[in-house]
Amino acid sequence: MPIEDIRVGVTIAAPGADSNDYVIFDSTVALPGMFVSMGIDRVQVGWNNTQAATIKLKALRPGTTATWDQNSSTSIAANGGITAGPYDFETVGMGDVQIVITNGGAAQANWPPIVTLSRGQKASGV
């Protein structure tokens, strides 16, 4: 299978001066019942963040409809996305997933992040 990238629009408002969680991608909402059958191997997040944050990959617990288990977490310093991104999460065999940004307490200026779904790419792209 050739490598195919699918760009996903992020439409939620930019984080304010808080430490809240912001779900920027949820496969059960964006692709209900299709994420696994589409063969998505990786999810990448590109973001020129102006403030510190944490990006998390969560997997839907099998047999549930609303219990998400954290699979991976990456803390990034202010402006860290300029040099460290994109953040690349392997999703092969995970089922439905969420990408969550936990804001670091200060308002983000460069928003939204760019989410890309990849299929046909098992190895890390970064």
Protein backbone atom coordinates (compact mmCIF):
# COMPACT_ATOMS: atom_id res chain seq x y z
CA MET A 1 0.00 0.00 0.00
CA PRO A 2 1.39 3.42 -0.86
CA ILE A 3 1.71 6.01 1.90
CA GLU A 4 -1.36 8.23 2.12
CA ASP A 5 -1.75 11.27 4.39
CA ILE A 6 -5.14 12.68 5.38
CA ARG A 7 -5.22 16.16 6.91
CA VAL A 8 -7.84 16.67 9.61
CA GLY A 9 -9.29 20.10 10.44
CA VAL A 10 -9.14 21.23 14.08
CA THR A 11 -12.03 23.57 14.84
CA ILE A 12 -12.01 24.09 18.62
CA ALA A 13 -11.11 27.49 20.08
CA ALA A 14 -7.54 28.20 21.17
CA PRO A 15 -6.75 27.50 24.83
CA GLY A 16 -6.90 30.49 27.13
CA ALA A 17 -4.90 30.98 30.31
CA ASP A 18 -5.81 27.58 31.76
CA SER A 19 -4.52 24.05 32.24
CA ASN A 20 -7.51 22.29 30.65
CA ASP A 21 -7.54 19.32 28.29
CA TYR A 22 -8.43 20.05 24.65
CA VAL A 23 -9.41 17.08 22.49
CA ILE A 24 -8.11 18.02 19.04
CA PHE A 25 -8.86 14.66 17.41
CA ASP A 26 -11.31 11.93 18.41
CA SER A 27 -11.69 9.07 15.94
CA THR A 28 -15.12 8.13 17.37
CA VAL A 29 -16.39 11.58 16.38
CA ALA A 30 -14.35 12.29 13.23
CA LEU A 31 -14.57 8.78 11.74
CA PRO A 32 -17.30 6.89 13.64
CA GLY A 33 -16.81 3.16 13.12
CA MET A 34 -14.20 3.71 10.38
CA PHE A 35 -10.83 4.47 12.01
CA VAL A 36 -9.64 0.85 12.28
CA SER A 37 -11.08 -0.24 8.91
CA MET A 38 -9.33 2.72 7.23
CA GLY A 39 -5.98 1.25 8.32
CA ILE A 40 -4.63 4.39 9.99
CA ASP A 41 -1.08 3.58 11.13
CA ARG A 42 0.08 6.93 12.54
CA VAL A 43 -1.31 10.24 13.75
CA GLN A 44 0.95 13.30 13.53
CA VAL A 45 0.41 16.67 15.18
CA GLY A 46 2.22 19.74 13.88
CA TRP A 47 1.98 22.83 16.05
CA ASN A 48 3.94 26.03 16.51
CA ASN A 49 2.92 26.38 20.15
CA THR A 50 3.54 29.71 21.86
CA GLN A 51 3.19 28.30 25.39
CA ALA A 52 4.07 25.06 27.17
CA ALA A 53 1.68 22.13 26.80
CA THR A 54 1.47 18.35 26.84
CA ILE A 55 0.28 16.28 23.87
CA LYS A 56 -1.25 12.91 24.73
CA LEU A 57 -2.39 9.91 22.72
CA LYS A 58 -5.30 8.06 24.34
CA ALA A 59 -6.84 4.76 23.24
CA LEU A 60 -10.45 3.77 23.75
CA ARG A 61 -10.56 0.90 26.22
CA PRO A 62 -11.90 -2.23 24.47
CA GLY A 63 -15.51 -3.00 25.37
CA THR A 64 -16.26 0.58 26.43
CA THR A 65 -17.64 3.63 24.68
CA ALA A 66 -16.17 6.40 26.84
CA THR A 67 -13.15 5.15 28.82
CA TRP A 68 -9.88 6.43 27.37
CA ASP A 69 -6.50 5.10 28.55
CA GLN A 70 -3.40 7.23 28.10
CA ASN A 71 -0.93 5.51 25.80
CA SER A 72 1.70 8.19 25.25
CA SER A 73 2.49 11.69 26.50
CA THR A 74 4.96 14.34 25.32
CA SER A 75 5.63 17.59 27.18
CA ILE A 76 6.68 20.51 25.03
CA ALA A 77 8.17 23.82 26.09
CA ALA A 78 6.94 27.13 24.73
CA ASN A 79 7.78 27.27 21.03
CA GLY A 80 8.99 23.66 21.23
CA GLY A 81 6.86 22.64 18.26
CA ILE A 82 8.99 24.75 15.95
CA THR A 83 12.00 22.47 16.38
CA ALA A 84 10.58 19.23 17.81
CA GLY A 85 7.38 18.73 15.79
CA PRO A 86 5.61 17.11 14.21
CA TYR A 87 4.69 14.79 17.06
CA ASP A 88 4.25 11.31 15.64
CA PHE A 89 2.09 8.67 17.37
CA GLU A 90 1.86 5.06 16.17
CA THR A 91 -1.75 3.82 16.24
CA VAL A 92 -1.48 0.39 14.57
CA GLY A 93 -3.71 -2.09 16.41
CA MET A 94 -4.97 0.44 18.96
CA GLY A 95 -8.57 0.84 17.86
CA ASP A 96 -10.13 4.28 18.31
CA VAL A 97 -7.87 7.06 19.57
CA GLN A 98 -7.90 10.63 20.82
CA ILE A 99 -5.22 13.30 20.63
CA VAL A 100 -5.46 15.59 23.66
CA ILE A 101 -3.53 18.77 24.39
CA THR A 102 -3.26 19.76 28.04
CA ASN A 103 -2.53 23.46 28.09
CA GLY A 104 0.28 24.73 30.31
CA GLY A 105 -1.56 27.62 31.99
CA ALA A 106 -1.01 30.44 29.48
CA ALA A 107 -3.06 31.39 26.43
CA GLN A 108 -1.92 29.83 23.13
CA ALA A 109 -1.53 32.23 20.20
CA ASN A 110 -0.69 29.98 17.24
CA TRP A 111 -3.78 27.83 16.85
CA PRO A 112 -4.96 25.40 15.60
CA PRO A 113 -2.54 22.51 15.43
CA ILE A 114 -2.45 20.44 12.24
CA VAL A 115 -3.48 16.79 12.59
CA THR A 116 -2.52 14.31 9.87
CA LEU A 117 -3.60 10.68 9.67
CA SER A 118 -1.27 8.33 7.78
CA ARG A 119 -1.80 4.88 6.38
CA GLY A 120 0.76 2.68 4.70
CA GLN A 121 3.49 4.01 7.01
CA LYS A 122 4.37 1.67 9.84
CA ALA A 123 7.75 3.19 10.69
CA SER A 124 8.14 6.57 12.34
CA GLY A 125 8.32 9.47 9.90
CA VAL A 126 10.53 11.63 12.11
